[in-house]
Amino acid sequence: MATVDQHGETVGIDGGPSVEQVTGIFRDGLNIDVPAVDADLIDGGFLDSLALVELVFQLEQRFEIELPLDELDIENFRTVGQIASLIENRRRRGGG
């Protein structure tokens, strides 16, 4: 049975971020329509440096985590699935 968050989006099985939640941030927060969950957001031109900064801000606010710039690896932002995994890993480590 799926769980729904306060934004009406499905939450991952263990309460972690779902691909739907991350896609919602792109759609609602960045006005970017992601063509597919496994689409390369960088090579596809969907995520440039300015959008990346805004995405990091949105992720930190939405999931109550910290993503220190010196710890970020651009490869973690290539797909929506990779971003969801990054958030889940960060939350498991205590968010900050």
C-alpha atoms as a PDB file:
ATOM      1  CA  MET A   1       0.000   0.000   0.000  1.00  0.00           C
ATOM      2  CA  ALA A   2       1.433   3.362  -1.015  1.00  0.00           C
ATOM      3  CA  THR A   3       1.917   6.253   1.361  1.00  0.00           C
ATOM      4  CA  VAL A   4       1.116   9.814   0.282  1.00  0.00           C
ATOM      5  CA  ASP A   5       2.922  12.887   1.623  1.00  0.00           C
ATOM      6  CA  GLN A   6       1.520  16.322   2.450  1.00  0.00           C
ATOM      7  CA  HIS A   7       1.997  17.339  -1.202  1.00  0.00           C
ATOM      8  CA  GLY A   8      -0.205  14.487  -2.429  1.00  0.00           C
ATOM      9  CA  GLU A   9       2.727  12.558  -3.900  1.00  0.00           C
ATOM     10  CA  THR A  10       3.617   8.931  -3.335  1.00  0.00           C
ATOM     11  CA  VAL A  11       6.385   8.340  -0.808  1.00  0.00           C
ATOM     12  CA  GLY A  12       8.886   5.517  -1.188  1.00  0.00           C
ATOM     13  CA  ILE A  13       8.168   2.207   0.523  1.00  0.00           C
ATOM     14  CA  ASP A  14      10.407   2.965   3.514  1.00  0.00           C
ATOM     15  CA  GLY A  15       9.240   6.577   3.787  1.00  0.00           C
ATOM     16  CA  GLY A  16      12.121   7.741   1.615  1.00  0.00           C
ATOM     17  CA  PRO A  17      11.796   9.935  -1.426  1.00  0.00           C
ATOM     18  CA  SER A  18      10.064   8.479  -4.416  1.00  0.00           C
ATOM     19  CA  VAL A  19      10.821   9.160  -8.025  1.00  0.00           C
ATOM     20  CA  GLU A  20       7.403  10.850  -8.179  1.00  0.00           C
ATOM     21  CA  GLN A  21       8.413  13.325  -5.462  1.00  0.00           C
ATOM     22  CA  VAL A  22      11.650  14.218  -7.242  1.00  0.00           C
ATOM     23  CA  THR A  23       9.828  14.540 -10.566  1.00  0.00           C
ATOM     24  CA  GLY A  24       7.333  16.836  -8.810  1.00  0.00           C
ATOM     25  CA  ILE A  25      10.165  19.139  -7.729  1.00  0.00           C
ATOM     26  CA  PHE A  26      11.341  19.382 -11.324  1.00  0.00           C
ATOM     27  CA  ARG A  27       7.804  20.029 -12.553  1.00  0.00           C
ATOM     28  CA  ASP A  28       6.516  22.371  -9.844  1.00  0.00           C
ATOM     29  CA  GLY A  29       9.696  23.939  -8.480  1.00  0.00           C
ATOM     30  CA  LEU A  30      11.855  24.223 -11.591  1.00  0.00           C
ATOM     31  CA  ASN A  31       9.246  24.179 -14.388  1.00  0.00           C
ATOM     32  CA  ILE A  32      11.110  21.335 -16.081  1.00  0.00           C
ATOM     33  CA  ASP A  33       9.241  18.404 -17.608  1.00  0.00           C
ATOM     34  CA  VAL A  34      11.443  15.351 -17.211  1.00  0.00           C
ATOM     35  CA  PRO A  35      10.846  13.083 -20.234  1.00  0.00           C
ATOM     36  CA  ALA A  36      11.660   9.814 -18.424  1.00  0.00           C
ATOM     37  CA  VAL A  37      12.866   8.626 -15.045  1.00  0.00           C
ATOM     38  CA  ASP A  38      16.127   7.401 -16.546  1.00  0.00           C
ATOM     39  CA  ALA A  39      16.677  10.387 -18.861  1.00  0.00           C
ATOM     40  CA  ASP A  40      20.133  11.964 -18.547  1.00  0.00           C
ATOM     41  CA  LEU A  41      19.205  15.390 -17.195  1.00  0.00           C
ATOM     42  CA  ILE A  42      22.646  16.885 -17.780  1.00  0.00           C
ATOM     43  CA  ASP A  43      23.447  15.599 -21.262  1.00  0.00           C
ATOM     44  CA  GLY A  44      19.817  16.208 -22.238  1.00  0.00           C
ATOM     45  CA  GLY A  45      20.151  19.888 -21.326  1.00  0.00           C
ATOM     46  CA  PHE A  46      17.446  19.794 -18.652  1.00  0.00           C
ATOM     47  CA  LEU A  47      19.777  20.589 -15.777  1.00  0.00           C
ATOM     48  CA  ASP A  48      22.267  23.421 -16.202  1.00  0.00           C
ATOM     49  CA  SER A  49      24.331  25.051 -13.453  1.00  0.00           C
ATOM     50  CA  LEU A  50      21.605  27.493 -12.399  1.00  0.00           C
ATOM     51  CA  ALA A  51      18.916  24.810 -12.350  1.00  0.00           C
ATOM     52  CA  LEU A  52      21.252  22.569 -10.340  1.00  0.00           C
ATOM     53  CA  VAL A  53      21.661  25.214  -7.639  1.00  0.00           C
ATOM     54  CA  GLU A  54      17.892  25.704  -7.470  1.00  0.00           C
ATOM     55  CA  LEU A  55      17.355  21.937  -7.403  1.00  0.00           C
ATOM     56  CA  VAL A  56      19.744  21.521  -4.470  1.00  0.00           C
ATOM     57  CA  PHE A  57      17.881  24.276  -2.602  1.00  0.00           C
ATOM     58  CA  GLN A  58      14.490  22.679  -3.349  1.00  0.00           C
ATOM     59  CA  LEU A  59      15.703  19.218  -2.267  1.00  0.00           C
ATOM     60  CA  GLU A  60      17.122  20.579   0.976  1.00  0.00           C
ATOM     61  CA  GLN A  61      13.874  22.377   1.794  1.00  0.00           C
ATOM     62  CA  ARG A  62      11.505  19.580   0.792  1.00  0.00           C
ATOM     63  CA  PHE A  63      13.367  16.698   2.417  1.00  0.00           C
ATOM     64  CA  GLU A  64      14.913  18.631   5.332  1.00  0.00           C
ATOM     65  CA  ILE A  65      18.458  17.605   4.478  1.00  0.00           C
ATOM     66  CA  GLU A  66      21.744  19.346   3.837  1.00  0.00           C
ATOM     67  CA  LEU A  67      23.680  18.779   0.635  1.00  0.00           C
ATOM     68  CA  PRO A  68      27.051  20.457   1.219  1.00  0.00           C
ATOM     69  CA  LEU A  69      28.523  21.632  -2.072  1.00  0.00           C
ATOM     70  CA  ASP A  70      31.915  20.139  -1.314  1.00  0.00           C
ATOM     71  CA  GLU A  71      30.307  16.679  -1.037  1.00  0.00           C
ATOM     72  CA  LEU A  72      28.211  16.829  -4.205  1.00  0.00           C
ATOM     73  CA  ASP A  73      29.048  14.645  -7.182  1.00  0.00           C
ATOM     74  CA  ILE A  74      27.428  15.682 -10.452  1.00  0.00           C
ATOM     75  CA  GLU A  75      26.944  12.015 -11.346  1.00  0.00           C
ATOM     76  CA  ASN A  76      24.324  11.788  -8.569  1.00  0.00           C
ATOM     77  CA  PHE A  77      22.181  14.289 -10.486  1.00  0.00           C
ATOM     78  CA  ARG A  78      22.119  12.603 -13.902  1.00  0.00           C
ATOM     79  CA  THR A  79      18.703  10.960 -13.496  1.00  0.00           C
ATOM     80  CA  VAL A  80      15.657  11.326 -11.282  1.00  0.00           C
ATOM     81  CA  GLY A  81      16.347   7.865  -9.874  1.00  0.00           C
ATOM     82  CA  GLN A  82      19.895   8.801  -8.912  1.00  0.00           C
ATOM     83  CA  ILE A  83      18.643  11.960  -7.205  1.00  0.00           C
ATOM     84  CA  ALA A  84      16.078   9.958  -5.209  1.00  0.00           C
ATOM     85  CA  SER A  85      18.847   7.556  -4.138  1.00  0.00           C
ATOM     86  CA  LEU A  86      21.083  10.467  -3.121  1.00  0.00           C
ATOM     87  CA  ILE A  87      18.331  11.886  -0.918  1.00  0.00           C
ATOM     88  CA  GLU A  88      17.571   8.512   0.628  1.00  0.00           C
ATOM     89  CA  ASN A  89      21.263   7.953   1.430  1.00  0.00           C
ATOM     90  CA  ARG A  90      21.582  11.433   2.881  1.00  0.00           C
ATOM     91  CA  ARG A  91      18.547  10.948   5.101  1.00  0.00           C
ATOM     92  CA  ARG A  92      19.897   7.638   6.370  1.00  0.00           C
ATOM     93  CA  ARG A  93      23.097   9.442   7.369  1.00  0.00           C
ATOM     94  CA  GLY A  94      21.070  11.867   9.460  1.00  0.00           C
ATOM     95  CA  GLY A  95      20.330  14.581   6.926  1.00  0.00           C
ATOM     96  CA  GLY A  96      23.239  16.809   7.584  1.00  0.00           C
END
